[in-house]
PDB file of N, CA and C in Angstrom:
ATOM      1  N   MET A   1       4.690  50.077  20.433  1.00  0.00           N
ATOM      2  CA  MET A   1       3.796  49.132  19.726  1.00  0.00           C
ATOM      3  C   MET A   1       3.421  48.231  20.207  1.00  0.00           C
ATOM      4  N   ARG A   2       2.248  47.128  20.261  1.00  0.00           N
ATOM      5  CA  ARG A   2       2.102  45.906  20.368  1.00  0.00           C
ATOM      6  C   ARG A   2       2.969  44.661  20.732  1.00  0.00           C
ATOM      7  N   GLU A   3       2.210  43.622  21.135  1.00  0.00           N
ATOM      8  CA  GLU A   3       2.879  42.419  20.877  1.00  0.00           C
ATOM      9  C   GLU A   3       2.268  42.250  19.798  1.00  0.00           C
ATOM     10  N   SER A   4       2.843  40.945  19.145  1.00  0.00           N
ATOM     11  CA  SER A   4       2.306  40.138  17.843  1.00  0.00           C
ATOM     12  C   SER A   4       1.503  39.013  18.456  1.00  0.00           C
ATOM     13  N   LEU A   5       0.376  38.904  18.221  1.00  0.00           N
ATOM     14  CA  LEU A   5      -0.772  37.576  17.994  1.00  0.00           C
ATOM     15  C   LEU A   5       0.095  36.461  17.790  1.00  0.00           C
ATOM     16  N   VAL A   6       1.241  36.193  16.908  1.00  0.00           N
ATOM     17  CA  VAL A   6       1.656  35.018  16.878  1.00  0.00           C
ATOM     18  C   VAL A   6       3.125  35.284  16.747  1.00  0.00           C
ATOM     19  N   PRO A   7       4.218  34.953  17.387  1.00  0.00           N
ATOM     20  CA  PRO A   7       5.546  35.388  18.230  1.00  0.00           C
ATOM     21  C   PRO A   7       6.229  35.020  17.285  1.00  0.00           C
ATOM     22  N   ARG A   8       7.290  34.947  16.709  1.00  0.00           N
ATOM     23  CA  ARG A   8       8.027  34.589  15.782  1.00  0.00           C
ATOM     24  C   ARG A   8       8.608  33.066  16.258  1.00  0.00           C
ATOM     25  N   TRP A   9       8.809  32.726  17.609  1.00  0.00           N
ATOM     26  CA  TRP A   9       9.022  31.730  18.075  1.00  0.00           C
ATOM     27  C   TRP A   9       8.546  30.946  17.795  1.00  0.00           C
ATOM     28  N   VAL A  10       6.831  30.576  17.196  1.00  0.00           N
ATOM     29  CA  VAL A  10       5.921  30.035  17.728  1.00  0.00           C
ATOM     30  C   VAL A  10       5.994  29.632  15.950  1.00  0.00           C
ATOM     31  N   LEU A  11       6.847  31.175  14.714  1.00  0.00           N
ATOM     32  CA  LEU A  11       6.708  30.260  13.859  1.00  0.00           C
ATOM     33  C   LEU A  11       8.011  29.918  13.546  1.00  0.00           C
ATOM     34  N   LEU A  12       9.024  29.728  13.950  1.00  0.00           N
ATOM     35  CA  LEU A  12      10.183  29.108  13.688  1.00  0.00           C
ATOM     36  C   LEU A  12       9.984  27.445  14.458  1.00  0.00           C
ATOM     37  N   LEU A  13       9.434  27.599  15.708  1.00  0.00           N
ATOM     38  CA  LEU A  13       9.282  26.106  16.387  1.00  0.00           C
ATOM     39  C   LEU A  13       8.183  25.385  14.804  1.00  0.00           C
ATOM     40  N   LEU A  14       7.251  26.050  14.204  1.00  0.00           N
ATOM     41  CA  LEU A  14       6.316  25.544  13.638  1.00  0.00           C
ATOM     42  C   LEU A  14       7.199  24.755  12.513  1.00  0.00           C
ATOM     43  N   LEU A  15       8.468  25.832  11.873  1.00  0.00           N
ATOM     44  CA  LEU A  15       8.785  25.368  10.609  1.00  0.00           C
ATOM     45  C   LEU A  15       9.880  24.891  10.700  1.00  0.00           C
ATOM     46  N   ALA A  16      10.949  23.938  12.341  1.00  0.00           N
ATOM     47  CA  ALA A  16      11.855  23.833  13.142  1.00  0.00           C
ATOM     48  C   ALA A  16      10.925  21.756  12.734  1.00  0.00           C
ATOM     49  N   VAL A  17      10.021  21.786  13.877  1.00  0.00           N
ATOM     50  CA  VAL A  17       8.920  20.476  14.301  1.00  0.00           C
ATOM     51  C   VAL A  17       8.944  20.025  12.339  1.00  0.00           C
ATOM     52  N   ALA A  18       8.285  20.963  10.868  1.00  0.00           N
ATOM     53  CA  ALA A  18       7.890  20.534   9.882  1.00  0.00           C
ATOM     54  C   ALA A  18       9.994  20.504   8.803  1.00  0.00           C
ATOM     55  N   LEU A  19      10.755  20.397   9.284  1.00  0.00           N
ATOM     56  CA  LEU A  19      11.472  19.700   8.801  1.00  0.00           C
ATOM     57  C   LEU A  19      12.152  18.846   9.300  1.00  0.00           C
ATOM     58  N   VAL A  20      11.855  18.754  10.852  1.00  0.00           N
ATOM     59  CA  VAL A  20      12.408  17.175  11.348  1.00  0.00           C
ATOM     60  C   VAL A  20      11.043  16.258  11.010  1.00  0.00           C
ATOM     61  N   LEU A  21      10.121  16.255  10.924  1.00  0.00           N
ATOM     62  CA  LEU A  21       9.066  15.469  10.536  1.00  0.00           C
ATOM     63  C   LEU A  21       9.376  14.895   8.813  1.00  0.00           C
ATOM     64  N   LEU A  22       9.427  16.064   8.076  1.00  0.00           N
ATOM     65  CA  LEU A  22      10.042  15.657   6.623  1.00  0.00           C
ATOM     66  C   LEU A  22      10.935  14.909   6.635  1.00  0.00           C
ATOM     67  N   VAL A  23      11.924  15.009   7.622  1.00  0.00           N
ATOM     68  CA  VAL A  23      13.034  13.648   7.257  1.00  0.00           C
ATOM     69  C   VAL A  23      12.246  12.300   8.216  1.00  0.00           C
ATOM     70  N   ALA A  24      11.964  12.758   9.091  1.00  0.00           N
ATOM     71  CA  ALA A  24      11.699  11.768   9.995  1.00  0.00           C
ATOM     72  C   ALA A  24      11.138  10.764   8.989  1.00  0.00           C
ATOM     73  N   THR A  25       9.869  11.347   7.864  1.00  0.00           N
ATOM     74  CA  THR A  25       8.658  10.652   7.005  1.00  0.00           C
ATOM     75  C   THR A  25       9.834  10.277   6.463  1.00  0.00           C
ATOM     76  N   VAL A  26      10.539  10.226   5.716  1.00  0.00           N
ATOM     77  CA  VAL A  26      11.905   9.570   4.514  1.00  0.00           C
ATOM     78  C   VAL A  26      12.928   8.989   5.056  1.00  0.00           C
ATOM     79  N   VAL A  27      13.204   9.007   6.183  1.00  0.00           N
ATOM     80  CA  VAL A  27      13.811   7.804   7.117  1.00  0.00           C
ATOM     81  C   VAL A  27      13.153   6.358   6.628  1.00  0.00           C
ATOM     82  N   ALA A  28      11.844   6.746   7.741  1.00  0.00           N
ATOM     83  CA  ALA A  28      10.910   6.069   8.152  1.00  0.00           C
ATOM     84  C   ALA A  28      10.362   4.906   6.874  1.00  0.00           C
ATOM     85  N   LEU A  29      10.151   5.636   6.038  1.00  0.00           N
ATOM     86  CA  LEU A  29       9.651   5.419   4.563  1.00  0.00           C
ATOM     87  C   LEU A  29      10.841   3.925   3.249  1.00  0.00           C
ATOM     88  N   ALA A  30      12.332   5.051   4.330  1.00  0.00           N
ATOM     89  CA  ALA A  30      13.929   4.438   3.273  1.00  0.00           C
ATOM     90  C   ALA A  30      13.399   3.130   4.092  1.00  0.00           C
ATOM     91  N   LEU A  31      13.320   2.746   5.320  1.00  0.00           N
ATOM     92  CA  LEU A  31      14.031   1.663   6.284  1.00  0.00           C
ATOM     93  C   LEU A  31      12.878   0.664   6.067  1.00  0.00           C
ATOM     94  N   GLY A  32      11.845   1.355   5.795  1.00  0.00           N
ATOM     95  CA  GLY A  32      10.201   0.481   5.675  1.00  0.00           C
ATOM     96  C   GLY A  32      10.899  -0.177   4.860  1.00  0.00           C
ATOM     97  N   LEU A  33      11.148   0.209   3.559  1.00  0.00           N
ATOM     98  CA  LEU A  33      11.438  -0.730   2.019  1.00  0.00           C
ATOM     99  C   LEU A  33      12.593  -1.454   1.599  1.00  0.00           C
ATOM    100  N   LEU A  34      13.644  -0.936   3.583  1.00  0.00           N
ATOM    101  CA  LEU A  34      15.022  -2.058   3.260  1.00  0.00           C
ATOM    102  C   LEU A  34      14.824  -3.327   4.233  1.00  0.00           C
ATOM    103  N   LEU A  35      13.739  -2.596   4.515  1.00  0.00           N
ATOM    104  CA  LEU A  35      13.462  -4.377   5.922  1.00  0.00           C
ATOM    105  C   LEU A  35      12.238  -5.644   4.772  1.00  0.00           C
ATOM    106  N   SER A  36      11.528  -4.217   3.824  1.00  0.00           N
ATOM    107  CA  SER A  36      10.317  -5.611   3.299  1.00  0.00           C
ATOM    108  C   SER A  36      11.224  -5.920   2.161  1.00  0.00           C
ATOM    109  N   ALA A  37      12.639  -5.756   1.443  1.00  0.00           N
ATOM    110  CA  ALA A  37      13.334  -6.357   0.621  1.00  0.00           C
ATOM    111  C   ALA A  37      14.415  -6.857   1.178  1.00  0.00           C
ATOM    112  N   LEU A  38      14.925  -6.924   2.561  1.00  0.00           N
ATOM    113  CA  LEU A  38      15.536  -8.084   3.377  1.00  0.00           C
ATOM    114  C   LEU A  38      14.724  -9.456   4.254  1.00  0.00           C
ATOM    115  N   GLY A  39      12.830  -9.194   3.818  1.00  0.00           N
ATOM    116  CA  GLY A  39      12.270 -10.290   4.015  1.00  0.00           C
ATOM    117  C   GLY A  39      11.777  -9.917   4.844  1.00  0.00           C
ATOM    118  N   ASP A  40      12.124  -9.037   5.539  1.00  0.00           N
ATOM    119  CA  ASP A  40      11.175  -8.606   6.923  1.00  0.00           C
ATOM    120  C   ASP A  40       9.522  -7.462   7.318  1.00  0.00           C
ATOM    121  N   ALA A  41       8.982  -8.778   7.156  1.00  0.00           N
ATOM    122  CA  ALA A  41       7.430  -8.183   6.836  1.00  0.00           C
ATOM    123  C   ALA A  41       7.037  -7.846   7.969  1.00  0.00           C
ATOM    124  N   ALA A  42       7.185  -8.014   9.267  1.00  0.00           N
ATOM    125  CA  ALA A  42       6.553  -7.396  10.404  1.00  0.00           C
ATOM    126  C   ALA A  42       7.374  -5.963  10.440  1.00  0.00           C
ATOM    127  N   GLY A  43       8.930  -5.951  10.922  1.00  0.00           N
ATOM    128  CA  GLY A  43       9.475  -4.682  10.924  1.00  0.00           C
ATOM    129  C   GLY A  43       8.590  -3.764   9.315  1.00  0.00           C
ATOM    130  N   SER A  44       9.030  -4.355   8.407  1.00  0.00           N
ATOM    131  CA  SER A  44       8.603  -3.044   7.118  1.00  0.00           C
ATOM    132  C   SER A  44       6.862  -2.459   7.645  1.00  0.00           C
ATOM    133  N   ALA A  45       6.238  -3.131   8.026  1.00  0.00           N
ATOM    134  CA  ALA A  45       5.130  -2.911   8.309  1.00  0.00           C
ATOM    135  C   ALA A  45       4.479  -1.524   9.344  1.00  0.00           C
ATOM    136  N   ALA A  46       5.584  -2.636  10.500  1.00  0.00           N
ATOM    137  CA  ALA A  46       5.746  -0.793  11.639  1.00  0.00           C
ATOM    138  C   ALA A  46       6.242   0.188  11.439  1.00  0.00           C
ATOM    139  N   LEU A  47       7.446  -0.432  10.593  1.00  0.00           N
ATOM    140  CA  LEU A  47       7.815   1.780  10.014  1.00  0.00           C
ATOM    141  C   LEU A  47       7.382   2.036   9.006  1.00  0.00           C
ATOM    142  N   ASN A  48       6.241   1.230   8.349  1.00  0.00           N
ATOM    143  CA  ASN A  48       5.652   2.208   7.287  1.00  0.00           C
ATOM    144  C   ASN A  48       4.333   2.843   8.411  1.00  0.00           C
ATOM    145  N   TYR A  49       3.860   1.864   8.904  1.00  0.00           N
ATOM    146  CA  TYR A  49       2.368   2.867  10.256  1.00  0.00           C
ATOM    147  C   TYR A  49       3.538   3.747  10.392  1.00  0.00           C
ATOM    148  N   VAL A  50       4.644   4.327  11.094  1.00  0.00           N
ATOM    149  CA  VAL A  50       5.579   5.094  11.211  1.00  0.00           C
ATOM    150  C   VAL A  50       5.553   5.995  10.730  1.00  0.00           C
ATOM    151  N   ALA A  51       5.738   6.005   9.602  1.00  0.00           N
ATOM    152  CA  ALA A  51       5.466   7.269   8.327  1.00  0.00           C
ATOM    153  C   ALA A  51       5.024   7.977   8.124  1.00  0.00           C
ATOM    154  N   VAL A  52       3.642   6.490   8.307  1.00  0.00           N
ATOM    155  CA  VAL A  52       2.720   7.499   8.075  1.00  0.00           C
ATOM    156  C   VAL A  52       1.916   8.100   9.098  1.00  0.00           C
ATOM    157  N   ALA A  53       2.427   7.803  10.760  1.00  0.00           N
ATOM    158  CA  ALA A  53       2.471   8.486  11.480  1.00  0.00           C
ATOM    159  C   ALA A  53       3.008   9.699  11.378  1.00  0.00           C
ATOM    160  N   CYS A  54       4.051  10.328  10.824  1.00  0.00           N
ATOM    161  CA  CYS A  54       5.263  11.228  10.676  1.00  0.00           C
ATOM    162  C   CYS A  54       4.511  12.264   9.596  1.00  0.00           C
ATOM    163  N   GLY A  55       3.555  11.501   8.516  1.00  0.00           N
ATOM    164  CA  GLY A  55       3.269  12.222   7.269  1.00  0.00           C
ATOM    165  C   GLY A  55       1.999  12.748   7.923  1.00  0.00           C
ATOM    166  N   GLY A  56       1.562  12.031   8.740  1.00  0.00           N
ATOM    167  CA  GLY A  56       0.060  13.537   9.266  1.00  0.00           C
ATOM    168  C   GLY A  56       0.301  14.377  10.197  1.00  0.00           C
ATOM    169  N   LEU A  57       1.471  13.719  10.980  1.00  0.00           N
ATOM    170  CA  LEU A  57       1.623  14.835  11.797  1.00  0.00           C
ATOM    171  C   LEU A  57       2.159  16.398  11.045  1.00  0.00           C
ATOM    172  N   LEU A  58       2.977  15.727   9.685  1.00  0.00           N
ATOM    173  CA  LEU A  58       3.646  16.752   9.031  1.00  0.00           C
ATOM    174  C   LEU A  58       2.482  17.644   8.689  1.00  0.00           C
ATOM    175  N   ALA A  59       1.867  16.897   7.906  1.00  0.00           N
ATOM    176  CA  ALA A  59       0.160  17.549   7.201  1.00  0.00           C
ATOM    177  C   ALA A  59      -0.517  18.084   8.463  1.00  0.00           C
ATOM    178  N   THR A  60      -0.228  18.360   9.458  1.00  0.00           N
ATOM    179  CA  THR A  60      -0.787  19.089  10.359  1.00  0.00           C
ATOM    180  C   THR A  60      -0.456  20.344  10.771  1.00  0.00           C
ATOM    181  N   ASP A  61       1.087  19.814  11.086  1.00  0.00           N
ATOM    182  CA  ASP A  61       2.291  20.904  11.502  1.00  0.00           C
ATOM    183  C   ASP A  61       2.220  21.963  10.294  1.00  0.00           C
ATOM    184  N   LEU A  62       2.100  21.689   8.915  1.00  0.00           N
ATOM    185  CA  LEU A  62       1.988  22.046   7.836  1.00  0.00           C
ATOM    186  C   LEU A  62       1.264  23.314   7.562  1.00  0.00           C
ATOM    187  N   VAL A  63      -0.288  22.575   8.272  1.00  0.00           N
ATOM    188  CA  VAL A  63      -1.569  23.533   8.138  1.00  0.00           C
ATOM    189  C   VAL A  63      -1.516  24.613   9.425  1.00  0.00           C
ATOM    190  N   CYS A  64      -1.234  24.144  10.305  1.00  0.00           N
ATOM    191  CA  CYS A  64      -0.798  25.147  11.730  1.00  0.00           C
ATOM    192  C   CYS A  64       0.467  26.645  11.157  1.00  0.00           C
ATOM    193  N   LEU A  65       1.581  26.098  10.135  1.00  0.00           N
ATOM    194  CA  LEU A  65       2.416  26.801  10.071  1.00  0.00           C
ATOM    195  C   LEU A  65       1.720  28.585   8.615  1.00  0.00           C
ATOM    196  N   VAL A  66       0.818  27.391   8.353  1.00  0.00           N
ATOM    197  CA  VAL A  66      -0.089  28.774   7.052  1.00  0.00           C
ATOM    198  C   VAL A  66      -0.678  29.453   8.156  1.00  0.00           C
ATOM    199  N   LEU A  67      -2.006  28.792   8.802  1.00  0.00           N
ATOM    200  CA  LEU A  67      -2.551  29.296   9.327  1.00  0.00           C
ATOM    201  C   LEU A  67      -2.182  30.376  10.581  1.00  0.00           C
ATOM    202  N   ALA A  68      -0.811  29.873  11.026  1.00  0.00           N
ATOM    203  CA  ALA A  68      -0.435  30.848  12.164  1.00  0.00           C
ATOM    204  C   ALA A  68       0.415  32.352  11.164  1.00  0.00           C
ATOM    205  N   GLN A  69       0.857  31.730  10.386  1.00  0.00           N
ATOM    206  CA  GLN A  69       1.510  32.454   9.298  1.00  0.00           C
ATOM    207  C   GLN A  69       0.635  33.633   8.605  1.00  0.00           C
ATOM    208  N   ALA A  70      -0.370  33.543   8.365  1.00  0.00           N
ATOM    209  CA  ALA A  70      -2.099  34.014   8.038  1.00  0.00           C
ATOM    210  C   ALA A  70      -2.182  35.006   8.856  1.00  0.00           C
ATOM    211  N   VAL A  71      -2.480  34.302  10.266  1.00  0.00           N
ATOM    212  CA  VAL A  71      -2.608  35.568  11.432  1.00  0.00           C
ATOM    213  C   VAL A  71      -1.879  36.521  11.877  1.00  0.00           C
ATOM    214  N   LYS A  72      -0.747  36.038  11.363  1.00  0.00           N
ATOM    215  CA  LYS A  72       0.758  37.200  11.807  1.00  0.00           C
ATOM    216  C   LYS A  72       0.631  38.679  10.625  1.00  0.00           C
ATOM    217  N   MET A  73       0.016  38.032   9.262  1.00  0.00           N
ATOM    218  CA  MET A  73      -0.355  39.236   8.512  1.00  0.00           C
ATOM    219  C   MET A  73      -1.090  39.410   8.457  1.00  0.00           C
ATOM    220  N   LEU A  74      -1.979  39.149   8.884  1.00  0.00           N
ATOM    221  CA  LEU A  74      -3.482  40.459   8.958  1.00  0.00           C
ATOM    222  C   LEU A  74      -3.548  41.154  10.055  1.00  0.00           C
ATOM    223  N   ALA A  75      -2.485  40.756  11.303  1.00  0.00           N
ATOM    224  CA  ALA A  75      -2.084  41.566  12.484  1.00  0.00           C
ATOM    225  C   ALA A  75      -1.390  42.093  12.422  1.00  0.00           C
ATOM    226  N   ASP A  76      -0.637  42.325  11.383  1.00  0.00           N
ATOM    227  CA  ASP A  76       0.269  43.280  11.483  1.00  0.00           C
ATOM    228  C   ASP A  76       0.238  44.322  10.654  1.00  0.00           C
ATOM    229  N   ALA A  77      -1.286  44.008   9.407  1.00  0.00           N
ATOM    230  CA  ALA A  77      -1.307  44.401   8.512  1.00  0.00           C
ATOM    231  C   ALA A  77      -2.485  45.772   8.648  1.00  0.00           C
ATOM    232  N   ASP A  78      -2.670  45.108  10.020  1.00  0.00           N
ATOM    233  CA  ASP A  78      -3.808  46.536  10.870  1.00  0.00           C
ATOM    234  C   ASP A  78      -2.783  47.495  11.555  1.00  0.00           C
ATOM    235  N   GLU A  79      -1.243  47.480  11.644  1.00  0.00           N
ATOM    236  CA  GLU A  79      -0.374  49.163  12.321  1.00  0.00           C
ATOM    237  C   GLU A  79      -0.265  49.626  11.181  1.00  0.00           C
ATOM    238  N   PRO A  80      -0.063  51.384  12.084  1.00  0.00           N
ATOM    239  CA  PRO A  80       0.297  52.535  10.691  1.00  0.00           C
ATOM    240  C   PRO A  80       1.970  51.392  10.331  1.00  0.00           C
ATOM    241  N   PRO A  81       1.709  52.505   8.973  1.00  0.00           N
ATOM    242  CA  PRO A  81       2.988  51.969   8.809  1.00  0.00           C
ATOM    243  C   PRO A  81       3.886  52.657   9.887  1.00  0.00           C
ATOM    244  N   ASP A  82       4.348  53.750  10.394  1.00  0.00           N
ATOM    245  CA  ASP A  82       5.189  53.628  11.222  1.00  0.00           C
ATOM    246  C   ASP A  82       5.706  53.677  12.538  1.00  0.00           C
ATOM    247  N   ALA A  83       4.594  52.338  13.095  1.00  0.00           N
ATOM    248  CA  ALA A  83       4.753  52.150  13.904  1.00  0.00           C
ATOM    249  C   ALA A  83       5.629  50.461  14.611  1.00  0.00           C
ATOM    250  N   LYS A  84       5.751  50.802  13.272  1.00  0.00           N
ATOM    251  CA  LYS A  84       6.932  49.724  13.176  1.00  0.00           C
ATOM    252  C   LYS A  84       8.438  49.478  13.440  1.00  0.00           C
TER     253      LYS A  84
END
């Protein structure tokens, strides 16, 4: 049996990073709204930038996760059924 093109730990890492970035994005947005309601415009703007950055990283991570899963599925489809 040959080694997989995409190891399982890579998929698990991408999934874990996606979950952490999702939580970080929501928390940054919520804190930005809270600071905006309290009248702290500078803090709100900073946290909004952090939320946008986390959202961009989340989108990039999800694209990488989908591509890695596609490569894994295509590579596994080439193996004969009795090789697994």
